[in-house]
């Protein structure tokens, strides 16, 4: 998903904002490619430069209306006529790796539910000085959504049974929405890459 305006970040199209000299979207694209997954970038009219970046790289993409995140997921899934499981990941999650993606997909399949969502313990946010926007209990642990989901295309407009996947990896706490989050991420990834 690469169609957000990046209004909180105020640095242009969020997917193209650089972290350690690399566009945020590139971290996600690299992980998806190394995991051997089919890549389709969802852009909107608000992200023409991201669309052009993907076009130059030869990536498949679909442009949705840009009404909202959930609406764009539904629209893209319908446009593609996809009925099976669809992995949805935001373009601003630089901590994702091919190994994590494979682990998430495996845990989703093991869960036997229609959908899956990825969560990170809230304690990791506190440890690294980040502020979570939403917290709920996952397996008895306060957790924050990571921005990675798997949804069943044929039921994309309906509530789906869900496996909540808790991943204890500090790299997944960085979903870059503000300049302070970008600065914290820059410090973390420059030390841990």
Protein backbone atom coordinates (compact mmCIF):
# COMPACT_ATOMS: atom_id res chain seq x y z
CA UNK A 1 0.00 0.00 0.00
CA UNK A 2 1.68 3.18 -1.21
CA UNK A 3 -1.13 5.65 -1.70
CA UNK A 4 -1.05 7.77 1.45
CA UNK A 5 -0.45 11.51 1.32
CA UNK A 6 2.07 11.52 4.17
CA UNK A 7 0.42 14.60 5.70
CA UNK A 8 1.77 13.96 9.22
CA UNK A 9 5.31 13.48 7.94
CA UNK A 10 5.22 16.64 5.76
CA UNK A 11 8.06 15.44 3.51
CA UNK A 12 6.25 14.60 0.29
CA UNK A 13 5.07 11.14 -0.68
CA UNK A 14 5.87 8.92 2.27
CA UNK A 15 7.06 5.87 0.33
CA UNK A 16 9.81 7.96 -1.26
CA UNK A 17 11.08 9.54 1.96
CA UNK A 18 14.64 8.37 2.50
CA UNK A 19 15.84 6.38 5.49
CA UNK A 20 19.57 5.59 5.57
CA UNK A 21 19.83 6.86 1.98
CA UNK A 22 17.09 4.54 0.69
CA UNK A 23 13.38 5.23 -0.02
CA UNK A 24 11.08 3.65 2.58
CA UNK A 25 9.19 1.70 -0.08
CA UNK A 26 12.45 0.07 -1.21
CA UNK A 27 12.82 -1.80 2.10
CA UNK A 28 9.39 -3.37 1.62
CA UNK A 29 9.88 -4.12 -2.07
CA UNK A 30 13.24 -5.78 -1.38
CA UNK A 31 11.78 -7.99 1.36
CA UNK A 32 8.83 -9.03 -0.82
CA UNK A 33 11.14 -9.80 -3.74
CA UNK A 34 13.58 -11.86 -1.62
CA UNK A 35 10.63 -13.80 -0.17
CA UNK A 36 9.60 -14.71 -3.72
CA UNK A 37 6.22 -13.01 -3.44
CA UNK A 38 4.32 -11.46 -6.31
CA UNK A 39 4.40 -7.68 -5.91
CA UNK A 40 1.58 -5.32 -6.78
CA UNK A 41 1.90 -1.73 -5.60
CA UNK A 42 -1.33 0.10 -4.79
CA UNK A 43 -1.03 3.83 -5.48
CA UNK A 44 -3.57 6.66 -5.58
CA UNK A 45 -3.88 9.98 -7.42
CA UNK A 46 -2.10 11.52 -4.37
CA UNK A 47 1.10 9.53 -5.09
CA UNK A 48 2.12 10.22 -8.71
CA UNK A 49 5.87 10.17 -7.96
CA UNK A 50 5.58 6.82 -6.20
CA UNK A 51 3.64 5.53 -9.18
CA UNK A 52 6.37 6.75 -11.51
CA UNK A 53 9.08 5.23 -9.27
CA UNK A 54 7.33 1.85 -9.50
CA UNK A 55 6.77 2.19 -13.24
CA UNK A 56 10.49 2.86 -13.82
CA UNK A 57 11.31 -0.24 -11.74
CA UNK A 58 8.92 -2.30 -13.88
CA UNK A 59 6.60 -3.11 -10.96
CA UNK A 60 2.95 -3.96 -11.45
CA UNK A 61 0.63 -1.46 -9.86
CA UNK A 62 -2.98 -0.46 -9.58
CA UNK A 63 -4.23 3.05 -8.87
CA UNK A 64 -7.21 3.23 -6.53
CA UNK A 65 -9.40 6.25 -5.73
CA UNK A 66 -7.54 7.25 -2.58
CA UNK A 67 -10.69 7.55 -0.48
CA UNK A 68 -9.10 5.76 2.49
CA UNK A 69 -6.81 2.90 3.46
CA UNK A 70 -9.53 0.25 3.94
CA UNK A 71 -11.48 1.46 0.92
CA UNK A 72 -8.33 1.26 -1.24
CA UNK A 73 -7.64 -2.30 -0.08
CA UNK A 74 -11.19 -3.33 -1.02
CA UNK A 75 -11.03 -1.51 -4.35
CA UNK A 76 -7.65 -3.01 -5.31
CA UNK A 77 -8.76 -6.53 -4.38
CA UNK A 78 -11.96 -6.15 -6.41
CA UNK A 79 -10.12 -4.68 -9.42
CA UNK A 80 -7.77 -7.67 -9.40
CA UNK A 81 -10.64 -10.13 -8.88
CA UNK A 82 -8.53 -11.80 -6.21
CA UNK A 83 -10.39 -14.39 -4.13
CA UNK A 84 -7.50 -16.03 -2.26
CA UNK A 85 -5.33 -14.70 0.58
CA UNK A 86 -3.79 -11.28 -0.06
CA UNK A 87 -0.78 -10.01 1.91
CA UNK A 88 -1.18 -6.30 2.61
CA UNK A 89 1.80 -4.30 3.80
CA UNK A 90 2.31 -0.57 4.13
CA UNK A 91 5.14 1.07 2.18
CA UNK A 92 6.55 2.65 5.34
CA UNK A 93 7.67 -0.44 7.29
CA UNK A 94 11.46 -0.52 6.78
CA UNK A 95 12.01 -3.29 9.34
CA UNK A 96 10.30 -5.99 7.31
CA UNK A 97 12.54 -8.76 5.96
CA UNK A 98 11.98 -11.74 3.70
CA UNK A 99 12.53 -14.04 6.70
CA UNK A 100 9.84 -12.25 8.71
CA UNK A 101 7.44 -12.36 5.76
CA UNK A 102 7.91 -16.11 5.36
CA UNK A 103 7.41 -16.60 9.10
CA UNK A 104 4.23 -14.47 9.07
CA UNK A 105 2.78 -16.37 6.11
CA UNK A 106 3.57 -19.70 7.77
CA UNK A 107 1.95 -18.61 11.05
CA UNK A 108 -1.10 -17.39 9.13
CA UNK A 109 -1.50 -20.78 7.44
CA UNK A 110 -0.98 -22.58 10.76
CA UNK A 111 -3.74 -20.44 12.29
CA UNK A 112 -6.33 -21.81 9.88
CA UNK A 113 -8.38 -18.59 9.82
CA UNK A 114 -9.54 -16.39 6.97
CA UNK A 115 -7.28 -13.47 7.88
CA UNK A 116 -4.15 -12.68 9.83
CA UNK A 117 -2.75 -9.54 11.44
CA UNK A 118 0.74 -8.85 12.73
CA UNK A 119 1.33 -7.29 16.15
CA UNK A 120 4.41 -6.14 18.08
CA UNK A 121 4.65 -6.02 21.90
CA UNK A 122 4.00 -2.52 23.23
CA UNK A 123 7.03 -2.88 25.53
CA UNK A 124 9.32 -2.62 22.48
CA UNK A 125 7.84 0.79 21.65
CA UNK A 126 8.62 2.01 25.16
CA UNK A 127 12.11 0.53 25.02
CA UNK A 128 12.96 2.39 21.80
CA UNK A 129 11.19 5.66 22.60
CA UNK A 130 8.30 5.32 20.17
CA UNK A 131 4.68 6.15 20.89
CA UNK A 132 2.06 3.61 19.79
CA UNK A 133 -1.29 4.90 18.52
CA UNK A 134 -3.36 1.82 19.36
CA UNK A 135 -2.82 -0.95 21.91
CA UNK A 136 -4.78 -4.15 22.54
CA UNK A 137 -4.11 -7.53 24.14
CA UNK A 138 -2.64 -10.31 21.99
CA UNK A 139 -1.99 -13.57 23.82
CA UNK A 140 -2.24 -11.63 27.09
CA UNK A 141 0.44 -9.11 26.02
CA UNK A 142 -0.25 -5.42 25.28
CA UNK A 143 0.47 -5.15 21.56
CA UNK A 144 0.44 -2.69 18.67
CA UNK A 145 -0.49 -3.41 15.02
CA UNK A 146 2.52 -3.58 12.70
CA UNK A 147 0.72 -2.61 9.47
CA UNK A 148 0.94 -6.10 7.94
CA UNK A 149 -2.21 -8.12 7.27
CA UNK A 150 -3.42 -11.08 5.26
CA UNK A 151 -7.02 -10.95 4.08
CA UNK A 152 -9.14 -13.39 2.11
CA UNK A 153 -10.06 -11.69 -1.16
CA UNK A 154 -13.43 -13.37 -1.58
CA UNK A 155 -14.54 -11.90 1.77
CA UNK A 156 -12.72 -8.57 1.48
CA UNK A 157 -15.82 -6.54 2.34
CA UNK A 158 -16.78 -8.67 5.34
CA UNK A 159 -15.45 -9.33 8.82
CA UNK A 160 -13.10 -12.32 8.74
CA UNK A 161 -11.95 -14.80 11.36
CA UNK A 162 -8.46 -13.72 12.37
CA UNK A 163 -5.16 -15.10 13.61
CA UNK A 164 -3.25 -12.47 15.55
CA UNK A 165 0.46 -12.99 15.00
CA UNK A 166 2.71 -11.57 17.72
CA UNK A 167 6.26 -10.86 16.51
CA UNK A 168 8.92 -9.86 19.07
CA UNK A 169 11.15 -7.85 16.73
CA UNK A 170 12.00 -4.19 17.43
CA UNK A 171 12.52 -3.48 13.72
CA UNK A 172 8.76 -3.81 13.21
CA UNK A 173 7.89 -0.96 15.59
CA UNK A 174 8.86 1.56 12.93
CA UNK A 175 5.84 2.54 10.85
CA UNK A 176 7.05 5.99 9.82
CA UNK A 177 4.34 8.65 10.19
CA UNK A 178 6.12 11.64 11.74
CA UNK A 179 9.52 13.33 11.54
CA UNK A 180 10.36 12.24 15.09
CA UNK A 181 9.60 8.61 14.14
CA UNK A 182 11.85 9.02 11.10
CA UNK A 183 14.68 10.36 13.28
CA UNK A 184 14.28 7.48 15.78
CA UNK A 185 14.20 4.98 12.90
CA UNK A 186 17.29 6.57 11.33
CA UNK A 187 19.18 6.06 14.59
CA UNK A 188 17.94 2.45 14.99
CA UNK A 189 18.61 1.31 11.42
CA UNK A 190 21.98 3.04 11.11
CA UNK A 191 23.10 0.94 14.12
CA UNK A 192 21.32 -2.30 13.15
CA UNK A 193 21.78 -2.66 9.40
